[in-house]
Amino acid sequence: LLPGGTDTPMARAMSNALSQELGQSIVIQNVPGAGGNIGAEQASRATPNGYTLLVGTSATHGVNPALFPKLGYDAVKDFTPVAHWGAVPNVLVVNVASPIQSVDDLIARARSAPGKLTFGSAGHGTSLHLAGELFKQAAKVDLTHVAYRGGAPASMDLLAGSISMMFDTVAVALPNLRSGKTRALAIAAPERHFALPDVPTFAEKGFPSVVASTWAGVFAPAGTPAAVVRRLEQAQRKALEDPAVVAVLRNAGVQIAYKDSKAFTQYVDSEIKLWGDIVRRGNIKIE
């Protein structure tokens, strides 16, 4: 099952490789709605035999447990994480005409005029909004959030100079960066991105906690036999080494980072805690 918003070409490339590895045909079923919650709920109720899996994301197994008052699934108890594929990090961008030249410059300007600088997002509770909140809390600055109905109108207003900055995914931000319409200040990833090698990470600027990305991985319903999980885990690792899969993922801006079931479980736990704290401290409500 594929929740809405997940990169379909990425899932299709992985499914092709996994079909060869497992000797089984794989059918992708797109289940959009409620930030991926509907698809996750369906997957949580599937028979735990390894034949129904969920491509879970930073929404279904990171943000949504704190953002939605009621979920039809428990992100921890109802699933066994199988393998993490990778992530598309967010990058902080400004209009190329902006006087803000760096993260240090941004912080100095924000502290001299609290609340004056604005950051746009694709809407309340979206990854772009929460990346901004994460940065605000880490840097202890007061920025005003401007929510749009989608990332495209926010980006248009950034180009028009109506907002001071915004976080965007690397994949979406690249065209404007390459055409010289915007400038990247820092990337919210553990390491620099292969498509933006000259852009520093927030860790390099003194904020190692500012790591915000859209990630994806595979989950099985809780109760799936350990031997089945191991077989699926091994198949994911091999699929992520397939040159055709690597090409598709890199083209989508994905930093491939395989995590096995144990490491992925720890990562999901850390993501749920991180974004739960951000949502609660920022009193963020979905609208």
C-alpha atoms as a PDB file:
ATOM      1  CA  LEU A   1       0.000   0.000   0.000  1.00  0.00           C
ATOM      2  CA  LEU A   2       1.265   3.430  -0.954  1.00  0.00           C
ATOM      3  CA  PRO A   3      -0.047   6.447   0.997  1.00  0.00           C
ATOM      4  CA  GLY A   4      -0.876   9.566  -0.986  1.00  0.00           C
ATOM      5  CA  GLY A   5       2.022  11.933  -1.582  1.00  0.00           C
ATOM      6  CA  THR A   6       4.668   9.210  -1.629  1.00  0.00           C
ATOM      7  CA  ASP A   7       6.871   9.203  -4.702  1.00  0.00           C
ATOM      8  CA  THR A   8       5.260   6.660  -7.031  1.00  0.00           C
ATOM      9  CA  PRO A   9       8.254   6.308  -9.418  1.00  0.00           C
ATOM     10  CA  MET A  10      10.427   5.492  -6.393  1.00  0.00           C
ATOM     11  CA  ALA A  11       7.996   2.833  -5.186  1.00  0.00           C
ATOM     12  CA  ARG A  12       7.644   1.444  -8.704  1.00  0.00           C
ATOM     13  CA  ALA A  13      11.404   1.138  -9.147  1.00  0.00           C
ATOM     14  CA  MET A  14      11.709  -0.611  -5.799  1.00  0.00           C
ATOM     15  CA  SER A  15       8.798  -2.938  -6.551  1.00  0.00           C
ATOM     16  CA  ASN A  16      10.376  -4.021  -9.845  1.00  0.00           C
ATOM     17  CA  ALA A  17      13.651  -4.859  -8.117  1.00  0.00           C
ATOM     18  CA  LEU A  18      11.887  -6.564  -5.214  1.00  0.00           C
ATOM     19  CA  SER A  19       9.786  -8.668  -7.594  1.00  0.00           C
ATOM     20  CA  GLN A  20      12.965 -10.110  -9.079  1.00  0.00           C
ATOM     21  CA  GLU A  21      14.569 -10.595  -5.673  1.00  0.00           C
ATOM     22  CA  LEU A  22      11.557 -12.268  -4.062  1.00  0.00           C
ATOM     23  CA  GLY A  23      10.215 -14.074  -7.119  1.00  0.00           C
ATOM     24  CA  GLN A  24       6.799 -12.532  -6.493  1.00  0.00           C
ATOM     25  CA  SER A  25       4.775 -10.048  -8.481  1.00  0.00           C
ATOM     26  CA  ILE A  26       4.130  -6.844  -6.527  1.00  0.00           C
ATOM     27  CA  VAL A  27       1.060  -4.688  -7.006  1.00  0.00           C
ATOM     28  CA  ILE A  28       1.222  -1.040  -5.911  1.00  0.00           C
ATOM     29  CA  GLN A  29      -2.037   0.216  -4.446  1.00  0.00           C
ATOM     30  CA  ASN A  30      -2.267   3.973  -3.981  1.00  0.00           C
ATOM     31  CA  VAL A  31      -4.383   4.892  -0.965  1.00  0.00           C
ATOM     32  CA  PRO A  32      -4.497   8.688  -0.602  1.00  0.00           C
ATOM     33  CA  GLY A  33      -6.168  10.644   2.160  1.00  0.00           C
ATOM     34  CA  ALA A  34      -5.545  12.243   5.556  1.00  0.00           C
ATOM     35  CA  GLY A  35      -1.804  12.594   5.138  1.00  0.00           C
ATOM     36  CA  GLY A  36      -1.339   8.886   4.495  1.00  0.00           C
ATOM     37  CA  ASN A  37      -3.378   7.825   7.519  1.00  0.00           C
ATOM     38  CA  ILE A  38      -6.010   5.934   5.513  1.00  0.00           C
ATOM     39  CA  GLY A  39      -3.430   3.774   3.782  1.00  0.00           C
ATOM     40  CA  ALA A  40      -1.573   3.162   7.034  1.00  0.00           C
ATOM     41  CA  GLU A  41      -4.779   2.134   8.775  1.00  0.00           C
ATOM     42  CA  GLN A  42      -5.612  -0.330   6.009  1.00  0.00           C
ATOM     43  CA  ALA A  43      -2.138  -1.839   6.156  1.00  0.00           C
ATOM     44  CA  SER A  44      -2.275  -2.135   9.951  1.00  0.00           C
ATOM     45  CA  ARG A  45      -5.328  -4.393   9.631  1.00  0.00           C
ATOM     46  CA  ALA A  46      -3.868  -6.670   6.967  1.00  0.00           C
ATOM     47  CA  THR A  47      -3.024 -10.298   7.668  1.00  0.00           C
ATOM     48  CA  PRO A  48       0.558 -10.332   9.030  1.00  0.00           C
ATOM     49  CA  ASN A  49       1.992 -12.786   6.538  1.00  0.00           C
ATOM     50  CA  GLY A  50       4.331 -10.548   4.538  1.00  0.00           C
ATOM     51  CA  TYR A  51       2.044 -10.217   1.535  1.00  0.00           C
ATOM     52  CA  THR A  52       0.648  -6.782   2.396  1.00  0.00           C
ATOM     53  CA  LEU A  53       3.191  -4.076   3.195  1.00  0.00           C
ATOM     54  CA  LEU A  54       3.088  -0.336   3.681  1.00  0.00           C
ATOM     55  CA  VAL A  55       5.426   2.266   2.260  1.00  0.00           C
ATOM     56  CA  GLY A  56       5.408   4.354   5.412  1.00  0.00           C
ATOM     57  CA  THR A  57       6.758   7.869   5.584  1.00  0.00           C
ATOM     58  CA  SER A  58       7.853  10.662   7.859  1.00  0.00           C
ATOM     59  CA  ALA A  59       4.161  11.607   7.933  1.00  0.00           C
ATOM     60  CA  THR A  60       2.552   8.262   8.812  1.00  0.00           C
ATOM     61  CA  HIS A  61       5.323   7.247  11.222  1.00  0.00           C
ATOM     62  CA  GLY A  62       6.755  10.577  12.328  1.00  0.00           C
ATOM     63  CA  VAL A  63       4.499  13.601  12.440  1.00  0.00           C
ATOM     64  CA  ASN A  64       0.949  12.270  12.237  1.00  0.00           C
ATOM     65  CA  PRO A  65       0.823  10.517  15.634  1.00  0.00           C
ATOM     66  CA  ALA A  66       1.183  13.949  17.294  1.00  0.00           C
ATOM     67  CA  LEU A  67      -0.610  16.039  14.690  1.00  0.00           C
ATOM     68  CA  PHE A  68      -3.862  14.090  14.437  1.00  0.00           C
ATOM     69  CA  PRO A  69      -5.924  13.790  17.632  1.00  0.00           C
ATOM     70  CA  LYS A  70      -7.286  10.426  16.532  1.00  0.00           C
ATOM     71  CA  LEU A  71      -5.590   7.882  14.284  1.00  0.00           C
ATOM     72  CA  GLY A  72      -7.044   4.600  13.119  1.00  0.00           C
ATOM     73  CA  TYR A  73      -3.687   2.918  13.767  1.00  0.00           C
ATOM     74  CA  ASP A  74      -0.875   2.951  16.306  1.00  0.00           C
ATOM     75  CA  ALA A  75       2.347   3.820  14.482  1.00  0.00           C
ATOM     76  CA  VAL A  76       4.430   1.774  16.917  1.00  0.00           C
ATOM     77  CA  LYS A  77       2.257  -1.103  18.140  1.00  0.00           C
ATOM     78  CA  ASP A  78       0.542  -1.917  14.843  1.00  0.00           C
ATOM     79  CA  PHE A  79       3.655  -2.218  12.665  1.00  0.00           C
ATOM     80  CA  THR A  80       7.035  -3.870  12.362  1.00  0.00           C
ATOM     81  CA  PRO A  81       9.512  -1.607  10.549  1.00  0.00           C
ATOM     82  CA  VAL A  82      11.232  -3.668   7.835  1.00  0.00           C
ATOM     83  CA  ALA A  83      13.707  -1.347   6.127  1.00  0.00           C
ATOM     84  CA  HIS A  84      14.319   2.365   5.586  1.00  0.00           C
ATOM     85  CA  TRP A  85      14.999   3.383   1.985  1.00  0.00           C
ATOM     86  CA  GLY A  86      16.197   6.958   2.197  1.00  0.00           C
ATOM     87  CA  ALA A  87      15.124  10.562   2.493  1.00  0.00           C
ATOM     88  CA  VAL A  88      14.715  13.801   0.575  1.00  0.00           C
ATOM     89  CA  PRO A  89      15.922  16.552   2.929  1.00  0.00           C
ATOM     90  CA  ASN A  90      14.502  20.026   3.243  1.00  0.00           C
ATOM     91  CA  VAL A  91      16.612  23.044   2.325  1.00  0.00           C
ATOM     92  CA  LEU A  92      16.166  26.598   3.587  1.00  0.00           C
ATOM     93  CA  VAL A  93      15.930  29.024   0.660  1.00  0.00           C
ATOM     94  CA  VAL A  94      15.519  32.769   0.175  1.00  0.00           C
ATOM     95  CA  ASN A  95      14.872  34.917  -2.869  1.00  0.00           C
ATOM     96  CA  VAL A  96      18.157  35.650  -4.635  1.00  0.00           C
ATOM     97  CA  ALA A  97      17.432  39.368  -4.143  1.00  0.00           C
ATOM     98  CA  SER A  98      17.060  38.907  -0.375  1.00  0.00           C
ATOM     99  CA  PRO A  99      19.583  40.716   1.831  1.00  0.00           C
ATOM    100  CA  ILE A 100      19.833  37.534   3.930  1.00  0.00           C
ATOM    101  CA  GLN A 101      23.122  35.949   2.920  1.00  0.00           C
ATOM    102  CA  SER A 102      23.601  33.161   5.461  1.00  0.00           C
ATOM    103  CA  VAL A 103      22.130  31.366   8.466  1.00  0.00           C
ATOM    104  CA  ASP A 104      24.129  33.621  10.790  1.00  0.00           C
ATOM    105  CA  ASP A 105      22.805  36.675   8.973  1.00  0.00           C
ATOM    106  CA  LEU A 106      19.250  35.341   9.193  1.00  0.00           C
ATOM    107  CA  ILE A 107      19.516  34.758  12.939  1.00  0.00           C
ATOM    108  CA  ALA A 108      20.964  38.209  13.557  1.00  0.00           C
ATOM    109  CA  ARG A 109      18.178  39.872  11.556  1.00  0.00           C
ATOM    110  CA  ALA A 110      15.482  37.766  13.240  1.00  0.00           C
ATOM    111  CA  ARG A 111      16.731  38.627  16.712  1.00  0.00           C
ATOM    112  CA  SER A 112      16.912  42.325  15.917  1.00  0.00           C
ATOM    113  CA  ALA A 113      13.287  42.351  14.745  1.00  0.00           C
ATOM    114  CA  PRO A 114      11.338  39.462  16.357  1.00  0.00           C
ATOM    115  CA  GLY A 115       8.390  38.253  14.290  1.00  0.00           C
ATOM    116  CA  LYS A 116       9.176  40.451  11.300  1.00  0.00           C
ATOM    117  CA  LEU A 117      10.709  37.769   9.098  1.00  0.00           C
ATOM    118  CA  THR A 118       8.272  35.284   7.591  1.00  0.00           C
ATOM    119  CA  PHE A 119       8.552  31.728   6.347  1.00  0.00           C
ATOM    120  CA  GLY A 120       6.081  30.085   4.032  1.00  0.00           C
ATOM    121  CA  SER A 121       4.964  26.477   3.939  1.00  0.00           C
ATOM    122  CA  ALA A 122       2.618  24.129   2.120  1.00  0.00           C
ATOM    123  CA  GLY A 123       0.178  24.333   5.032  1.00  0.00           C
ATOM    124  CA  HIS A 124      -0.179  23.796   8.766  1.00  0.00           C
ATOM    125  CA  GLY A 125       1.501  20.617   9.924  1.00  0.00           C
ATOM    126  CA  THR A 126       3.266  19.879   6.640  1.00  0.00           C
ATOM    127  CA  SER A 127       6.925  18.871   6.603  1.00  0.00           C
ATOM    128  CA  LEU A 128       7.851  22.344   5.329  1.00  0.00           C
ATOM    129  CA  HIS A 129       6.043  23.998   8.246  1.00  0.00           C
ATOM    130  CA  LEU A 130       7.547  21.661  10.833  1.00  0.00           C
ATOM    131  CA  ALA A 131      11.061  22.120   9.443  1.00  0.00           C
ATOM    132  CA  GLY A 132      10.625  25.855  10.023  1.00  0.00           C
ATOM    133  CA  GLU A 133       9.351  25.254  13.554  1.00  0.00           C
ATOM    134  CA  LEU A 134      12.297  22.954  14.261  1.00  0.00           C
ATOM    135  CA  PHE A 135      14.720  25.645  13.127  1.00  0.00           C
ATOM    136  CA  LYS A 136      12.885  28.358  15.109  1.00  0.00           C
ATOM    137  CA  GLN A 137      13.102  26.334  18.296  1.00  0.00           C
ATOM    138  CA  ALA A 138      16.720  25.299  17.764  1.00  0.00           C
ATOM    139  CA  ALA A 139      17.928  28.817  16.909  1.00  0.00           C
ATOM    140  CA  LYS A 140      15.625  30.507  19.454  1.00  0.00           C
ATOM    141  CA  VAL A 141      14.301  33.018  16.945  1.00  0.00           C
ATOM    142  CA  ASP A 142      10.819  34.400  16.351  1.00  0.00           C
ATOM    143  CA  LEU A 143       9.724  33.878  12.743  1.00  0.00           C
ATOM    144  CA  THR A 144       6.144  34.288  11.521  1.00  0.00           C
ATOM    145  CA  HIS A 145       4.675  31.286   9.738  1.00  0.00           C
ATOM    146  CA  VAL A 146       2.602  31.880   6.594  1.00  0.00           C
ATOM    147  CA  ALA A 147       0.591  28.813   5.557  1.00  0.00           C
ATOM    148  CA  TYR A 148      -0.371  28.262   1.929  1.00  0.00           C
ATOM    149  CA  ARG A 149      -2.535  25.669   0.242  1.00  0.00           C
ATOM    150  CA  GLY A 150       0.416  23.753  -1.149  1.00  0.00           C
ATOM    151  CA  GLY A 151       4.093  24.329  -1.753  1.00  0.00           C
ATOM    152  CA  ALA A 152       3.692  25.866  -5.215  1.00  0.00           C
ATOM    153  CA  PRO A 153       1.911  29.071  -4.112  1.00  0.00           C
ATOM    154  CA  ALA A 154       4.400  29.470  -1.256  1.00  0.00           C
ATOM    155  CA  SER A 155       7.250  29.186  -3.727  1.00  0.00           C
ATOM    156  CA  MET A 156       5.590  31.724  -6.017  1.00  0.00           C
ATOM    157  CA  ASP A 157       5.314  34.203  -3.163  1.00  0.00           C
ATOM    158  CA  LEU A 158       8.952  33.610  -2.268  1.00  0.00           C
ATOM    159  CA  LEU A 159       9.914  34.526  -5.835  1.00  0.00           C
ATOM    160  CA  ALA A 160       7.644  37.573  -5.633  1.00  0.00           C
ATOM    161  CA  GLY A 161       9.335  38.694  -2.428  1.00  0.00           C
ATOM    162  CA  SER A 162       6.161  38.400  -0.345  1.00  0.00           C
ATOM    163  CA  ILE A 163       7.752  36.098   2.243  1.00  0.00           C
ATOM    164  CA  SER A 164      11.269  36.120   3.651  1.00  0.00           C
ATOM    165  CA  MET A 165      12.136  32.439   3.283  1.00  0.00           C
ATOM    166  CA  MET A 166      10.826  28.901   3.167  1.00  0.00           C
ATOM    167  CA  PHE A 167      11.940  25.336   3.644  1.00  0.00           C
ATOM    168  CA  ASP A 168      11.390  23.157   0.610  1.00  0.00           C
ATOM    169  CA  THR A 169      12.411  19.680  -0.426  1.00  0.00           C
ATOM    170  CA  VAL A 170      15.658  19.549  -2.377  1.00  0.00           C
ATOM    171  CA  ALA A 171      13.881  17.973  -5.348  1.00  0.00           C
ATOM    172  CA  VAL A 172      11.381  20.834  -5.626  1.00  0.00           C
ATOM    173  CA  ALA A 173      13.851  23.604  -4.797  1.00  0.00           C
ATOM    174  CA  LEU A 174      16.520  22.587  -7.318  1.00  0.00           C
ATOM    175  CA  PRO A 175      15.093  24.217 -10.496  1.00  0.00           C
ATOM    176  CA  ASN A 176      14.877  27.686  -8.921  1.00  0.00           C
ATOM    177  CA  LEU A 177      18.275  27.264  -7.278  1.00  0.00           C
ATOM    178  CA  ARG A 178      19.897  26.235 -10.545  1.00  0.00           C
ATOM    179  CA  SER A 179      18.253  29.062 -12.475  1.00  0.00           C
ATOM    180  CA  GLY A 180      19.523  31.577  -9.933  1.00  0.00           C
ATOM    181  CA  LYS A 181      16.100  32.678  -8.700  1.00  0.00           C
ATOM    182  CA  THR A 182      16.680  31.508  -5.125  1.00  0.00           C
ATOM    183  CA  ARG A 183      19.629  31.012  -2.794  1.00  0.00           C
ATOM    184  CA  ALA A 184      20.112  28.087  -0.394  1.00  0.00           C
ATOM    185  CA  LEU A 185      21.271  28.914   3.122  1.00  0.00           C
ATOM    186  CA  ALA A 186      21.542  25.426   4.623  1.00  0.00           C
ATOM    187  CA  ILE A 187      20.279  21.898   4.225  1.00  0.00           C
ATOM    188  CA  ALA A 188      18.453  20.026   6.995  1.00  0.00           C
ATOM    189  CA  ALA A 189      20.325  16.744   6.620  1.00  0.00           C
ATOM    190  CA  PRO A 190      23.065  14.871   8.481  1.00  0.00           C
ATOM    191  CA  GLU A 191      25.401  15.381   5.525  1.00  0.00           C
ATOM    192  CA  ARG A 192      25.600  17.589   2.451  1.00  0.00           C
ATOM    193  CA  HIS A 193      23.384  16.671  -0.484  1.00  0.00           C
ATOM    194  CA  PHE A 194      24.929  15.299  -3.665  1.00  0.00           C
ATOM    195  CA  ALA A 195      22.935  17.794  -5.779  1.00  0.00           C
ATOM    196  CA  LEU A 196      23.958  20.776  -3.612  1.00  0.00           C
ATOM    197  CA  PRO A 197      27.545  20.044  -2.560  1.00  0.00           C
ATOM    198  CA  ASP A 198      28.310  23.697  -1.783  1.00  0.00           C
ATOM    199  CA  VAL A 199      25.371  24.159   0.594  1.00  0.00           C
ATOM    200  CA  PRO A 200      26.289  23.573   4.259  1.00  0.00           C
ATOM    201  CA  THR A 201      24.242  21.483   6.660  1.00  0.00           C
ATOM    202  CA  PHE A 202      22.634  23.109   9.675  1.00  0.00           C
ATOM    203  CA  ALA A 203      25.044  21.072  11.790  1.00  0.00           C
ATOM    204  CA  GLU A 204      27.905  22.922  10.138  1.00  0.00           C
ATOM    205  CA  LYS A 205      26.233  26.176  11.194  1.00  0.00           C
ATOM    206  CA  GLY A 206      25.917  25.044  14.804  1.00  0.00           C
ATOM    207  CA  PHE A 207      22.462  23.435  14.768  1.00  0.00           C
ATOM    208  CA  PRO A 208      22.899  19.655  14.543  1.00  0.00           C
ATOM    209  CA  SER A 209      19.315  19.028  15.666  1.00  0.00           C
ATOM    210  CA  VAL A 210      17.893  20.665  12.534  1.00  0.00           C
ATOM    211  CA  VAL A 211      17.427  17.532  10.445  1.00  0.00           C
ATOM    212  CA  ALA A 212      14.121  17.454   8.585  1.00  0.00           C
ATOM    213  CA  SER A 213      13.337  15.317   5.587  1.00  0.00           C
ATOM    214  CA  THR A 214      10.651  13.386   3.813  1.00  0.00           C
ATOM    215  CA  TRP A 215      11.683   9.779   4.277  1.00  0.00           C
ATOM    216  CA  ALA A 216      10.207   6.476   3.174  1.00  0.00           C
ATOM    217  CA  GLY A 217      10.552   2.861   4.183  1.00  0.00           C
ATOM    218  CA  VAL A 218       8.675  -0.411   4.328  1.00  0.00           C
ATOM    219  CA  PHE A 219       6.516  -1.584   7.221  1.00  0.00           C
ATOM    220  CA  ALA A 220       4.808  -4.907   7.833  1.00  0.00           C
ATOM    221  CA  PRO A 221       1.746  -5.394  10.035  1.00  0.00           C
ATOM    222  CA  ALA A 222       2.630  -6.251  13.636  1.00  0.00           C
ATOM    223  CA  GLY A 223       2.823  -9.985  14.189  1.00  0.00           C
ATOM    224  CA  THR A 224       4.537 -10.728  10.882  1.00  0.00           C
ATOM    225  CA  PRO A 225       6.856 -13.717  11.547  1.00  0.00           C
ATOM    226  CA  ALA A 226      10.485 -12.755  12.230  1.00  0.00           C
ATOM    227  CA  ALA A 227      11.744 -15.007   9.421  1.00  0.00           C
ATOM    228  CA  VAL A 228       9.487 -13.217   6.940  1.00  0.00           C
ATOM    229  CA  VAL A 229      10.662  -9.819   8.163  1.00  0.00           C
ATOM    230  CA  ARG A 230      14.296 -10.916   7.737  1.00  0.00           C
ATOM    231  CA  ARG A 231      13.641 -12.098   4.192  1.00  0.00           C
ATOM    232  CA  LEU A 232      11.921  -8.838   3.286  1.00  0.00           C
ATOM    233  CA  GLU A 233      14.676  -6.839   5.016  1.00  0.00           C
ATOM    234  CA  GLN A 234      17.388  -8.563   2.971  1.00  0.00           C
ATOM    235  CA  ALA A 235      15.426  -8.044  -0.246  1.00  0.00           C
ATOM    236  CA  GLN A 236      15.111  -4.299   0.454  1.00  0.00           C
ATOM    237  CA  ARG A 237      18.878  -4.005   0.970  1.00  0.00           C
ATOM    238  CA  LYS A 238      19.638  -5.734  -2.316  1.00  0.00           C
ATOM    239  CA  ALA A 239      17.017  -3.715  -4.195  1.00  0.00           C
ATOM    240  CA  LEU A 240      18.591  -0.457  -2.961  1.00  0.00           C
ATOM    241  CA  GLU A 241      21.872  -1.599  -4.529  1.00  0.00           C
ATOM    242  CA  ASP A 242      20.264  -2.106  -7.954  1.00  0.00           C
ATOM    243  CA  PRO A 243      21.701   0.516 -10.383  1.00  0.00           C
ATOM    244  CA  ALA A 244      18.260   1.157 -11.902  1.00  0.00           C
ATOM    245  CA  VAL A 245      16.776   1.823  -8.459  1.00  0.00           C
ATOM    246  CA  VAL A 246      19.705   4.021  -7.455  1.00  0.00           C
ATOM    247  CA  ALA A 247      19.253   6.108 -10.618  1.00  0.00           C
ATOM    248  CA  VAL A 248      15.540   6.664  -9.989  1.00  0.00           C
ATOM    249  CA  LEU A 249      16.025   7.546  -6.332  1.00  0.00           C
ATOM    250  CA  ARG A 250      18.876   9.956  -6.996  1.00  0.00           C
ATOM    251  CA  ASN A 251      16.853  11.620  -9.748  1.00  0.00           C
ATOM    252  CA  ALA A 252      14.134  12.210  -7.134  1.00  0.00           C
ATOM    253  CA  GLY A 253      16.695  13.814  -4.807  1.00  0.00           C
ATOM    254  CA  VAL A 254      16.709  10.861  -2.413  1.00  0.00           C
ATOM    255  CA  GLN A 255      19.751  10.354  -0.214  1.00  0.00           C
ATOM    256  CA  ILE A 256      19.728   6.551  -0.041  1.00  0.00           C
ATOM    257  CA  ALA A 257      20.258   5.350   3.515  1.00  0.00           C
ATOM    258  CA  TYR A 258      19.368   1.706   4.098  1.00  0.00           C
ATOM    259  CA  LYS A 259      18.468   0.841   7.671  1.00  0.00           C
ATOM    260  CA  ASP A 260      17.666  -2.707   8.719  1.00  0.00           C
ATOM    261  CA  SER A 261      14.644  -3.554  10.844  1.00  0.00           C
ATOM    262  CA  LYS A 262      16.338  -2.916  14.175  1.00  0.00           C
ATOM    263  CA  ALA A 263      17.902   0.411  13.168  1.00  0.00           C
ATOM    264  CA  PHE A 264      14.716   1.503  11.415  1.00  0.00           C
ATOM    265  CA  THR A 265      12.663   0.748  14.533  1.00  0.00           C
ATOM    266  CA  GLN A 266      14.964   2.953  16.607  1.00  0.00           C
ATOM    267  CA  TYR A 267      14.777   5.681  13.969  1.00  0.00           C
ATOM    268  CA  VAL A 268      10.972   5.647  13.873  1.00  0.00           C
ATOM    269  CA  ASP A 269      10.866   5.927  17.665  1.00  0.00           C
ATOM    270  CA  SER A 270      13.199   8.935  17.529  1.00  0.00           C
ATOM    271  CA  GLU A 271      11.172  10.602  14.769  1.00  0.00           C
ATOM    272  CA  ILE A 272       7.891  10.202  16.640  1.00  0.00           C
ATOM    273  CA  LYS A 273       9.456  11.746  19.743  1.00  0.00           C
ATOM    274  CA  LEU A 274      11.143  14.588  17.831  1.00  0.00           C
ATOM    275  CA  TRP A 275       8.079  15.721  15.913  1.00  0.00           C
ATOM    276  CA  GLY A 276       5.760  15.103  18.832  1.00  0.00           C
ATOM    277  CA  ASP A 277       7.847  17.513  20.907  1.00  0.00           C
ATOM    278  CA  ILE A 278       7.913  20.089  18.091  1.00  0.00           C
ATOM    279  CA  VAL A 279       4.138  19.890  17.585  1.00  0.00           C
ATOM    280  CA  ARG A 280       3.399  20.197  21.295  1.00  0.00           C
ATOM    281  CA  ARG A 281       5.872  23.011  22.017  1.00  0.00           C
ATOM    282  CA  GLY A 282       4.675  24.947  18.983  1.00  0.00           C
ATOM    283  CA  ASN A 283       1.007  24.196  19.752  1.00  0.00           C
ATOM    284  CA  ILE A 284       0.605  23.216  16.104  1.00  0.00           C
ATOM    285  CA  LYS A 285      -2.867  22.270  14.937  1.00  0.00           C
ATOM    286  CA  ILE A 286      -3.858  20.888  11.586  1.00  0.00           C
ATOM    287  CA  GLU A 287      -6.393  23.140   9.838  1.00  0.00           C
END
